[in-house]
Amino acid sequence: MRDGLYKNIIVGGGNSAIPFFKERILSELAQLKPSDCAPEIFDSNCEDQHPSLAAWNGLKSFAGNVKDQEADARFKESVVTAADYFEEGDRIFAKFVL
């Protein structure tokens, strides 16, 4: 599983606009990764949008694709409401662990 995580790193948000940000992450990962693993970094930013909007646009796209009952059910399973959190505490997030 660790190799899969190293090969699917996504950067986004305002910090990803810092010059050489991806290169710095790769450099730091080189010291941590297994020797036979080649990390891959993907940029979540769109050319026509500010990097700080990447998370917002991703969730907007995810929520906007709920067009049928099956997709609506999957969306609702992916959401933790404030009420859920207050009832379960941080245990609620265990269902999302890889």
PDB file of N, CA and C in Angstrom:
ATOM      1  N   MET A   1       0.817  -1.187   0.000  1.00  0.00           N
ATOM      2  CA  MET A   1       0.000   0.000   0.000  1.00  0.00           C
ATOM      3  C   MET A   1       0.865   1.257   0.000  1.00  0.00           C
ATOM      4  N   ARG A   2       1.998   1.218   0.667  1.00  0.00           N
ATOM      5  CA  ARG A   2       2.858   2.396   0.754  1.00  0.00           C
ATOM      6  C   ARG A   2       3.306   2.855  -0.637  1.00  0.00           C
ATOM      7  N   ASP A   3       3.650   1.893  -1.512  1.00  0.00           N
ATOM      8  CA  ASP A   3       4.048   2.255  -2.872  1.00  0.00           C
ATOM      9  C   ASP A   3       2.923   2.989  -3.583  1.00  0.00           C
ATOM     10  N   GLY A   4       1.686   2.524  -3.405  1.00  0.00           N
ATOM     11  CA  GLY A   4       0.538   3.178  -4.017  1.00  0.00           C
ATOM     12  C   GLY A   4       0.363   4.603  -3.538  1.00  0.00           C
ATOM     13  N   LEU A   5       0.651   4.834  -2.273  1.00  0.00           N
ATOM     14  CA  LEU A   5       0.548   6.194  -1.741  1.00  0.00           C
ATOM     15  C   LEU A   5       1.649   7.090  -2.313  1.00  0.00           C
ATOM     16  N   TYR A   6       2.857   6.561  -2.396  1.00  0.00           N
ATOM     17  CA  TYR A   6       3.963   7.343  -2.946  1.00  0.00           C
ATOM     18  C   TYR A   6       3.744   7.680  -4.422  1.00  0.00           C
ATOM     19  N   LYS A   7       3.006   6.851  -5.123  1.00  0.00           N
ATOM     20  CA  LYS A   7       2.791   7.072  -6.556  1.00  0.00           C
ATOM     21  C   LYS A   7       1.548   7.904  -6.847  1.00  0.00           C
ATOM     22  N   ASN A   8       0.877   8.379  -5.816  1.00  0.00           N
ATOM     23  CA  ASN A   8      -0.351   9.148  -6.000  1.00  0.00           C
ATOM     24  C   ASN A   8      -0.400  10.346  -5.062  1.00  0.00           C
ATOM     25  N   ILE A   9       0.624  11.159  -5.103  1.00  0.00           N
ATOM     26  CA  ILE A   9       0.683  12.358  -4.278  1.00  0.00           C
ATOM     27  C   ILE A   9       0.079  13.516  -5.075  1.00  0.00           C
ATOM     28  N   ILE A  10      -0.864  14.191  -4.460  1.00  0.00           N
ATOM     29  CA  ILE A  10      -1.526  15.311  -5.128  1.00  0.00           C
ATOM     30  C   ILE A  10      -1.207  16.582  -4.359  1.00  0.00           C
ATOM     31  N   VAL A  11      -0.727  17.593  -5.071  1.00  0.00           N
ATOM     32  CA  VAL A  11      -0.486  18.890  -4.439  1.00  0.00           C
ATOM     33  C   VAL A  11      -1.510  19.887  -4.963  1.00  0.00           C
ATOM     34  N   GLY A  12      -1.933  20.744  -4.084  1.00  0.00           N
ATOM     35  CA  GLY A  12      -2.905  21.766  -4.451  1.00  0.00           C
ATOM     36  C   GLY A  12      -2.894  22.855  -3.400  1.00  0.00           C
ATOM     37  N   GLY A  13      -3.684  23.850  -3.624  1.00  0.00           N
ATOM     38  CA  GLY A  13      -3.763  24.944  -2.675  1.00  0.00           C
ATOM     39  C   GLY A  13      -2.694  25.984  -2.928  1.00  0.00           C
ATOM     40  N   GLY A  14      -2.728  27.011  -2.144  1.00  0.00           N
ATOM     41  CA  GLY A  14      -1.829  28.151  -2.325  1.00  0.00           C
ATOM     42  C   GLY A  14      -0.359  27.803  -2.268  1.00  0.00           C
ATOM     43  N   ASN A  15       0.040  26.874  -1.380  1.00  0.00           N
ATOM     44  CA  ASN A  15       1.457  26.504  -1.270  1.00  0.00           C
ATOM     45  C   ASN A  15       1.996  25.881  -2.536  1.00  0.00           C
ATOM     46  N   SER A  16       1.132  25.239  -3.320  1.00  0.00           N
ATOM     47  CA  SER A  16       1.616  24.597  -4.545  1.00  0.00           C
ATOM     48  C   SER A  16       2.038  25.607  -5.601  1.00  0.00           C
ATOM     49  N   ALA A  17       1.713  26.876  -5.384  1.00  0.00           N
ATOM     50  CA  ALA A  17       2.136  27.926  -6.310  1.00  0.00           C
ATOM     51  C   ALA A  17       3.549  28.430  -6.015  1.00  0.00           C
ATOM     52  N   ILE A  18       4.117  27.989  -4.911  1.00  0.00           N
ATOM     53  CA  ILE A  18       5.483  28.392  -4.562  1.00  0.00           C
ATOM     54  C   ILE A  18       6.436  27.785  -5.582  1.00  0.00           C
ATOM     55  N   PRO A  19       7.351  28.583  -6.127  1.00  0.00           N
ATOM     56  CA  PRO A  19       8.300  28.041  -7.106  1.00  0.00           C
ATOM     57  C   PRO A  19       9.074  26.837  -6.541  1.00  0.00           C
ATOM     58  N   PHE A  20       9.184  25.797  -7.355  1.00  0.00           N
ATOM     59  CA  PHE A  20       9.928  24.577  -7.031  1.00  0.00           C
ATOM     60  C   PHE A  20       9.326  23.775  -5.870  1.00  0.00           C
ATOM     61  N   PHE A  21       8.035  23.982  -5.586  1.00  0.00           N
ATOM     62  CA  PHE A  21       7.372  23.270  -4.491  1.00  0.00           C
ATOM     63  C   PHE A  21       7.376  21.763  -4.733  1.00  0.00           C
ATOM     64  N   LYS A  22       6.987  21.334  -5.930  1.00  0.00           N
ATOM     65  CA  LYS A  22       6.951  19.908  -6.234  1.00  0.00           C
ATOM     66  C   LYS A  22       8.350  19.301  -6.176  1.00  0.00           C
ATOM     67  N   GLU A  23       9.337  20.021  -6.663  1.00  0.00           N
ATOM     68  CA  GLU A  23      10.717  19.527  -6.638  1.00  0.00           C
ATOM     69  C   GLU A  23      11.200  19.343  -5.195  1.00  0.00           C
ATOM     70  N   ARG A  24      10.805  20.258  -4.318  1.00  0.00           N
ATOM     71  CA  ARG A  24      11.217  20.149  -2.915  1.00  0.00           C
ATOM     72  C   ARG A  24      10.581  18.917  -2.270  1.00  0.00           C
ATOM     73  N   ILE A  25       9.312  18.677  -2.573  1.00  0.00           N
ATOM     74  CA  ILE A  25       8.651  17.494  -2.022  1.00  0.00           C
ATOM     75  C   ILE A  25       9.350  16.228  -2.507  1.00  0.00           C
ATOM     76  N   LEU A  26       9.661  16.167  -3.800  1.00  0.00           N
ATOM     77  CA  LEU A  26      10.362  14.995  -4.336  1.00  0.00           C
ATOM     78  C   LEU A  26      11.711  14.804  -3.662  1.00  0.00           C
ATOM     79  N   SER A  27      12.417  15.896  -3.433  1.00  0.00           N
ATOM     80  CA  SER A  27      13.723  15.830  -2.783  1.00  0.00           C
ATOM     81  C   SER A  27      13.595  15.285  -1.360  1.00  0.00           C
ATOM     82  N   GLU A  28      12.596  15.757  -0.625  1.00  0.00           N
ATOM     83  CA  GLU A  28      12.423  15.295   0.743  1.00  0.00           C
ATOM     84  C   GLU A  28      11.924  13.844   0.791  1.00  0.00           C
ATOM     85  N   LEU A  29      11.094  13.468  -0.174  1.00  0.00           N
ATOM     86  CA  LEU A  29      10.613  12.083  -0.222  1.00  0.00           C
ATOM     87  C   LEU A  29      11.728  11.107  -0.557  1.00  0.00           C
ATOM     88  N   ALA A  30      12.721  11.574  -1.296  1.00  0.00           N
ATOM     89  CA  ALA A  30      13.838  10.704  -1.683  1.00  0.00           C
ATOM     90  C   ALA A  30      14.529  10.122  -0.445  1.00  0.00           C
ATOM     91  N   GLN A  31      14.496  10.849   0.653  1.00  0.00           N
ATOM     92  CA  GLN A  31      15.134  10.386   1.885  1.00  0.00           C
ATOM     93  C   GLN A  31      14.247   9.416   2.669  1.00  0.00           C
ATOM     94  N   LEU A  32      12.942   9.394   2.374  1.00  0.00           N
ATOM     95  CA  LEU A  32      11.995   8.593   3.154  1.00  0.00           C
ATOM     96  C   LEU A  32      11.482   7.347   2.446  1.00  0.00           C
ATOM     97  N   LYS A  33      11.443   7.379   1.137  1.00  0.00           N
ATOM     98  CA  LYS A  33      10.780   6.335   0.356  1.00  0.00           C
ATOM     99  C   LYS A  33      11.622   5.065   0.299  1.00  0.00           C
ATOM    100  N   PRO A  34      10.968   3.936   0.048  1.00  0.00           N
ATOM    101  CA  PRO A  34      11.720   2.700  -0.202  1.00  0.00           C
ATOM    102  C   PRO A  34      12.573   2.867  -1.459  1.00  0.00           C
ATOM    103  N   SER A  35      13.682   2.178  -1.526  1.00  0.00           N
ATOM    104  CA  SER A  35      14.620   2.367  -2.638  1.00  0.00           C
ATOM    105  C   SER A  35      14.035   1.981  -3.989  1.00  0.00           C
ATOM    106  N   ASP A  36      13.082   1.075  -4.008  1.00  0.00           N
ATOM    107  CA  ASP A  36      12.530   0.621  -5.285  1.00  0.00           C
ATOM    108  C   ASP A  36      11.248   1.371  -5.684  1.00  0.00           C
ATOM    109  N   CYS A  37      10.972   2.491  -5.056  1.00  0.00           N
ATOM    110  CA  CYS A  37       9.744   3.234  -5.316  1.00  0.00           C
ATOM    111  C   CYS A  37      10.063   4.577  -5.981  1.00  0.00           C
ATOM    112  N   ALA A  38       9.290   4.918  -6.997  1.00  0.00           N
ATOM    113  CA  ALA A  38       9.447   6.207  -7.682  1.00  0.00           C
ATOM    114  C   ALA A  38       8.194   7.045  -7.434  1.00  0.00           C
ATOM    115  N   PRO A  39       8.269   8.021  -6.534  1.00  0.00           N
ATOM    116  CA  PRO A  39       7.091   8.832  -6.240  1.00  0.00           C
ATOM    117  C   PRO A  39       6.612   9.616  -7.460  1.00  0.00           C
ATOM    118  N   GLU A  40       5.304   9.807  -7.543  1.00  0.00           N
ATOM    119  CA  GLU A  40       4.717  10.623  -8.595  1.00  0.00           C
ATOM    120  C   GLU A  40       3.862  11.699  -7.941  1.00  0.00           C
ATOM    121  N   ILE A  41       4.048  12.920  -8.385  1.00  0.00           N
ATOM    122  CA  ILE A  41       3.295  14.044  -7.839  1.00  0.00           C
ATOM    123  C   ILE A  41       2.416  14.619  -8.936  1.00  0.00           C
ATOM    124  N   PHE A  42       1.151  14.770  -8.603  1.00  0.00           N
ATOM    125  CA  PHE A  42       0.181  15.343  -9.533  1.00  0.00           C
ATOM    126  C   PHE A  42      -0.248  16.706  -9.025  1.00  0.00           C
ATOM    127  N   ASP A  43      -0.429  17.608  -9.937  1.00  0.00           N
ATOM    128  CA  ASP A  43      -0.844  18.963  -9.611  1.00  0.00           C
ATOM    129  C   ASP A  43      -2.351  19.072  -9.801  1.00  0.00           C
ATOM    130  N   SER A  44      -3.066  19.446  -8.756  1.00  0.00           N
ATOM    131  CA  SER A  44      -4.521  19.526  -8.840  1.00  0.00           C
ATOM    132  C   SER A  44      -5.001  20.869  -9.380  1.00  0.00           C
ATOM    133  N   ASN A  45      -4.084  21.747  -9.656  1.00  0.00           N
ATOM    134  CA  ASN A  45      -4.471  23.095 -10.077  1.00  0.00           C
ATOM    135  C   ASN A  45      -4.812  23.161 -11.559  1.00  0.00           C
ATOM    136  N   CYS A  46      -5.795  23.952 -11.872  1.00  0.00           N
ATOM    137  CA  CYS A  46      -6.161  24.223 -13.259  1.00  0.00           C
ATOM    138  C   CYS A  46      -5.462  25.506 -13.687  1.00  0.00           C
ATOM    139  N   GLU A  47      -5.098  25.581 -14.943  1.00  0.00           N
ATOM    140  CA  GLU A  47      -4.356  26.745 -15.425  1.00  0.00           C
ATOM    141  C   GLU A  47      -5.133  28.046 -15.272  1.00  0.00           C
ATOM    142  N   ASP A  48      -6.464  27.975 -15.393  1.00  0.00           N
ATOM    143  CA  ASP A  48      -7.255  29.201 -15.366  1.00  0.00           C
ATOM    144  C   ASP A  48      -7.808  29.537 -13.980  1.00  0.00           C
ATOM    145  N   GLN A  49      -7.370  28.816 -12.945  1.00  0.00           N
ATOM    146  CA  GLN A  49      -7.879  29.072 -11.600  1.00  0.00           C
ATOM    147  C   GLN A  49      -6.726  29.237 -10.622  1.00  0.00           C
ATOM    148  N   HIS A  50      -6.962  30.007  -9.592  1.00  0.00           N
ATOM    149  CA  HIS A  50      -5.947  30.216  -8.570  1.00  0.00           C
ATOM    150  C   HIS A  50      -5.747  28.925  -7.774  1.00  0.00           C
ATOM    151  N   PRO A  51      -4.508  28.567  -7.447  1.00  0.00           N
ATOM    152  CA  PRO A  51      -4.236  27.318  -6.732  1.00  0.00           C
ATOM    153  C   PRO A  51      -4.977  27.196  -5.402  1.00  0.00           C
ATOM    154  N   SER A  52      -5.244  28.314  -4.735  1.00  0.00           N
ATOM    155  CA  SER A  52      -5.917  28.234  -3.441  1.00  0.00           C
ATOM    156  C   SER A  52      -7.364  27.765  -3.560  1.00  0.00           C
ATOM    157  N   LEU A  53      -7.894  27.687  -4.783  1.00  0.00           N
ATOM    158  CA  LEU A  53      -9.268  27.239  -4.994  1.00  0.00           C
ATOM    159  C   LEU A  53      -9.364  25.757  -5.355  1.00  0.00           C
ATOM    160  N   ALA A  54      -8.253  25.048  -5.397  1.00  0.00           N
ATOM    161  CA  ALA A  54      -8.241  23.651  -5.848  1.00  0.00           C
ATOM    162  C   ALA A  54      -9.158  22.765  -5.012  1.00  0.00           C
ATOM    163  N   ALA A  55      -9.079  22.851  -3.692  1.00  0.00           N
ATOM    164  CA  ALA A  55      -9.914  22.002  -2.838  1.00  0.00           C
ATOM    165  C   ALA A  55     -11.390  22.341  -3.016  1.00  0.00           C
ATOM    166  N   TRP A  56     -11.687  23.624  -3.063  1.00  0.00           N
ATOM    167  CA  TRP A  56     -13.079  24.058  -3.256  1.00  0.00           C
ATOM    168  C   TRP A  56     -13.626  23.528  -4.583  1.00  0.00           C
ATOM    169  N   ASN A  57     -12.875  23.704  -5.652  1.00  0.00           N
ATOM    170  CA  ASN A  57     -13.344  23.265  -6.969  1.00  0.00           C
ATOM    171  C   ASN A  57     -13.484  21.746  -7.053  1.00  0.00           C
ATOM    172  N   GLY A  58     -12.590  21.012  -6.396  1.00  0.00           N
ATOM    173  CA  GLY A  58     -12.702  19.560  -6.387  1.00  0.00           C
ATOM    174  C   GLY A  58     -13.968  19.091  -5.694  1.00  0.00           C
ATOM    175  N   LEU A  59     -14.260  19.659  -4.534  1.00  0.00           N
ATOM    176  CA  LEU A  59     -15.468  19.263  -3.810  1.00  0.00           C
ATOM    177  C   LEU A  59     -16.718  19.733  -4.546  1.00  0.00           C
ATOM    178  N   LYS A  60     -16.644  20.899  -5.144  1.00  0.00           N
ATOM    179  CA  LYS A  60     -17.784  21.402  -5.919  1.00  0.00           C
ATOM    180  C   LYS A  60     -18.086  20.450  -7.077  1.00  0.00           C
ATOM    181  N   SER A  61     -17.050  19.963  -7.720  1.00  0.00           N
ATOM    182  CA  SER A  61     -17.217  19.020  -8.816  1.00  0.00           C
ATOM    183  C   SER A  61     -17.780  17.694  -8.305  1.00  0.00           C
ATOM    184  N   PHE A  62     -17.249  17.204  -7.175  1.00  0.00           N
ATOM    185  CA  PHE A  62     -17.719  15.953  -6.587  1.00  0.00           C
ATOM    186  C   PHE A  62     -19.193  16.046  -6.215  1.00  0.00           C
ATOM    187  N   ALA A  63     -19.572  17.113  -5.548  1.00  0.00           N
ATOM    188  CA  ALA A  63     -20.961  17.285  -5.124  1.00  0.00           C
ATOM    189  C   ALA A  63     -21.876  17.546  -6.312  1.00  0.00           C
ATOM    190  N   GLY A  64     -21.365  18.206  -7.329  1.00  0.00           N
ATOM    191  CA  GLY A  64     -22.177  18.543  -8.488  1.00  0.00           C
ATOM    192  C   GLY A  64     -22.498  17.358  -9.369  1.00  0.00           C
ATOM    193  N   ASN A  65     -21.781  16.247  -9.204  1.00  0.00           N
ATOM    194  CA  ASN A  65     -22.015  15.061 -10.026  1.00  0.00           C
ATOM    195  C   ASN A  65     -23.087  14.143  -9.455  1.00  0.00           C
ATOM    196  N   VAL A  66     -23.779  14.594  -8.429  1.00  0.00           N
ATOM    197  CA  VAL A  66     -24.824  13.788  -7.808  1.00  0.00           C
ATOM    198  C   VAL A  66     -26.116  14.019  -8.590  1.00  0.00           C
ATOM    199  N   LYS A  67     -26.344  13.168  -9.596  1.00  0.00           N
ATOM    200  CA  LYS A  67     -27.495  13.356 -10.484  1.00  0.00           C
ATOM    201  C   LYS A  67     -28.522  12.236 -10.388  1.00  0.00           C
ATOM    202  N   ASP A  68     -28.159  11.116  -9.806  1.00  0.00           N
ATOM    203  CA  ASP A  68     -29.121  10.034  -9.683  1.00  0.00           C
ATOM    204  C   ASP A  68     -29.102   9.508  -8.253  1.00  0.00           C
ATOM    205  N   GLN A  69     -30.022   8.612  -7.933  1.00  0.00           N
ATOM    206  CA  GLN A  69     -30.144   8.123  -6.566  1.00  0.00           C
ATOM    207  C   GLN A  69     -28.911   7.355  -6.109  1.00  0.00           C
ATOM    208  N   GLU A  70     -28.309   6.569  -7.002  1.00  0.00           N
ATOM    209  CA  GLU A  70     -27.121   5.803  -6.627  1.00  0.00           C
ATOM    210  C   GLU A  70     -25.953   6.737  -6.305  1.00  0.00           C
ATOM    211  N   ALA A  71     -25.739   7.747  -7.150  1.00  0.00           N
ATOM    212  CA  ALA A  71     -24.669   8.705  -6.901  1.00  0.00           C
ATOM    213  C   ALA A  71     -24.958   9.510  -5.638  1.00  0.00           C
ATOM    214  N   ASP A  72     -26.216   9.844  -5.414  1.00  0.00           N
ATOM    215  CA  ASP A  72     -26.598  10.586  -4.217  1.00  0.00           C
ATOM    216  C   ASP A  72     -26.294   9.762  -2.966  1.00  0.00           C
ATOM    217  N   ALA A  73     -26.565   8.465  -3.016  1.00  0.00           N
ATOM    218  CA  ALA A  73     -26.279   7.586  -1.878  1.00  0.00           C
ATOM    219  C   ALA A  73     -24.774   7.518  -1.607  1.00  0.00           C
ATOM    220  N   ARG A  74     -23.957   7.396  -2.667  1.00  0.00           N
ATOM    221  CA  ARG A  74     -22.494   7.362  -2.495  1.00  0.00           C
ATOM    222  C   ARG A  74     -22.005   8.671  -1.887  1.00  0.00           C
ATOM    223  N   PHE A  75     -22.573   9.789  -2.341  1.00  0.00           N
ATOM    224  CA  PHE A  75     -22.171  11.085  -1.802  1.00  0.00           C
ATOM    225  C   PHE A  75     -22.493  11.156  -0.310  1.00  0.00           C
ATOM    226  N   LYS A  76     -23.691  10.746   0.053  1.00  0.00           N
ATOM    227  CA  LYS A  76     -24.086  10.810   1.459  1.00  0.00           C
ATOM    228  C   LYS A  76     -23.225   9.912   2.334  1.00  0.00           C
ATOM    229  N   GLU A  77     -22.741   8.789   1.793  1.00  0.00           N
ATOM    230  CA  GLU A  77     -21.838   7.912   2.545  1.00  0.00           C
ATOM    231  C   GLU A  77     -20.458   8.537   2.720  1.00  0.00           C
ATOM    232  N   SER A  78     -20.122   9.505   1.888  1.00  0.00           N
ATOM    233  CA  SER A  78     -18.803  10.128   1.914  1.00  0.00           C
ATOM    234  C   SER A  78     -18.747  11.371   2.788  1.00  0.00           C
ATOM    235  N   VAL A  79     -19.876  11.745   3.359  1.00  0.00           N
ATOM    236  CA  VAL A  79     -19.969  12.989   4.114  1.00  0.00           C
ATOM    237  C   VAL A  79     -20.089  12.699   5.604  1.00  0.00           C
ATOM    238  N   VAL A  80     -19.390  13.496   6.407  1.00  0.00           N
ATOM    239  CA  VAL A  80     -19.540  13.441   7.855  1.00  0.00           C
ATOM    240  C   VAL A  80     -20.162  14.770   8.269  1.00  0.00           C
ATOM    241  N   THR A  81     -21.348  14.696   8.811  1.00  0.00           N
ATOM    242  CA  THR A  81     -22.027  15.915   9.251  1.00  0.00           C
ATOM    243  C   THR A  81     -21.557  16.291  10.648  1.00  0.00           C
ATOM    244  N   ALA A  82     -21.851  17.510  11.036  1.00  0.00           N
ATOM    245  CA  ALA A  82     -21.525  17.947  12.392  1.00  0.00           C
ATOM    246  C   ALA A  82     -22.247  17.073  13.409  1.00  0.00           C
ATOM    247  N   ALA A  83     -23.496  16.724  13.112  1.00  0.00           N
ATOM    248  CA  ALA A  83     -24.263  15.873  14.036  1.00  0.00           C
ATOM    249  C   ALA A  83     -23.596  14.509  14.183  1.00  0.00           C
ATOM    250  N   ASP A  84     -23.141  13.926  13.059  1.00  0.00           N
ATOM    251  CA  ASP A  84     -22.425  12.645  13.110  1.00  0.00           C
ATOM    252  C   ASP A  84     -21.189  12.758  13.987  1.00  0.00           C
ATOM    253  N   TYR A  85     -20.433  13.831  13.797  1.00  0.00           N
ATOM    254  CA  TYR A  85     -19.192  14.010  14.542  1.00  0.00           C
ATOM    255  C   TYR A  85     -19.467  14.180  16.030  1.00  0.00           C
ATOM    256  N   PHE A  86     -20.476  14.985  16.371  1.00  0.00           N
ATOM    257  CA  PHE A  86     -20.784  15.196  17.785  1.00  0.00           C
ATOM    258  C   PHE A  86     -21.295  13.915  18.445  1.00  0.00           C
ATOM    259  N   GLU A  87     -21.943  13.055  17.675  1.00  0.00           N
ATOM    260  CA  GLU A  87     -22.439  11.790  18.218  1.00  0.00           C
ATOM    261  C   GLU A  87     -21.325  10.764  18.364  1.00  0.00           C
ATOM    262  N   GLU A  88     -20.454  10.645  17.352  1.00  0.00           N
ATOM    263  CA  GLU A  88     -19.435   9.595  17.318  1.00  0.00           C
ATOM    264  C   GLU A  88     -18.035  10.071  17.713  1.00  0.00           C
ATOM    265  N   GLY A  89     -17.789  11.364  17.630  1.00  0.00           N
ATOM    266  CA  GLY A  89     -16.442  11.864  17.867  1.00  0.00           C
ATOM    267  C   GLY A  89     -15.534  11.478  16.706  1.00  0.00           C
ATOM    268  N   ASP A  90     -14.220  11.463  16.948  1.00  0.00           N
ATOM    269  CA  ASP A  90     -13.296  11.167  15.853  1.00  0.00           C
ATOM    270  C   ASP A  90     -13.347   9.711  15.397  1.00  0.00           C
ATOM    271  N   ARG A  91     -14.076   8.853  16.127  1.00  0.00           N
ATOM    272  CA  ARG A  91     -14.255   7.463  15.685  1.00  0.00           C
ATOM    273  C   ARG A  91     -14.973   7.382  14.340  1.00  0.00           C
ATOM    274  N   ILE A  92     -15.760   8.409  14.016  1.00  0.00           N
ATOM    275  CA  ILE A  92     -16.518   8.418  12.762  1.00  0.00           C
ATOM    276  C   ILE A  92     -15.597   8.299  11.560  1.00  0.00           C
ATOM    277  N   PHE A  93     -14.352   8.779  11.683  1.00  0.00           N
ATOM    278  CA  PHE A  93     -13.427   8.778  10.554  1.00  0.00           C
ATOM    279  C   PHE A  93     -12.796   7.416  10.291  1.00  0.00           C
ATOM    280  N   ALA A  94     -12.971   6.470  11.202  1.00  0.00           N
ATOM    281  CA  ALA A  94     -12.396   5.133  11.016  1.00  0.00           C
ATOM    282  C   ALA A  94     -12.936   4.463   9.754  1.00  0.00           C
ATOM    283  N   LYS A  95     -14.143   4.796   9.342  1.00  0.00           N
ATOM    284  CA  LYS A  95     -14.705   4.157   8.150  1.00  0.00           C
ATOM    285  C   LYS A  95     -14.027   4.631   6.867  1.00  0.00           C
ATOM    286  N   PHE A  96     -13.232   5.690   6.948  1.00  0.00           N
ATOM    287  CA  PHE A  96     -12.554   6.220   5.781  1.00  0.00           C
ATOM    288  C   PHE A  96     -11.100   5.796   5.677  1.00  0.00           C
ATOM    289  N   VAL A  97     -10.597   5.031   6.630  1.00  0.00           N
ATOM    290  CA  VAL A  97      -9.192   4.628   6.644  1.00  0.00           C
ATOM    291  C   VAL A  97      -8.925   3.678   5.482  1.00  0.00           C
ATOM    292  N   LEU A  98      -7.790   3.910   4.799  1.00  0.00           N
ATOM    293  CA  LEU A  98      -7.419   3.051   3.665  1.00  0.00           C
ATOM    294  C   LEU A  98      -7.132   1.641   4.105  1.00  0.00           C
TER     295      LEU A  98
END
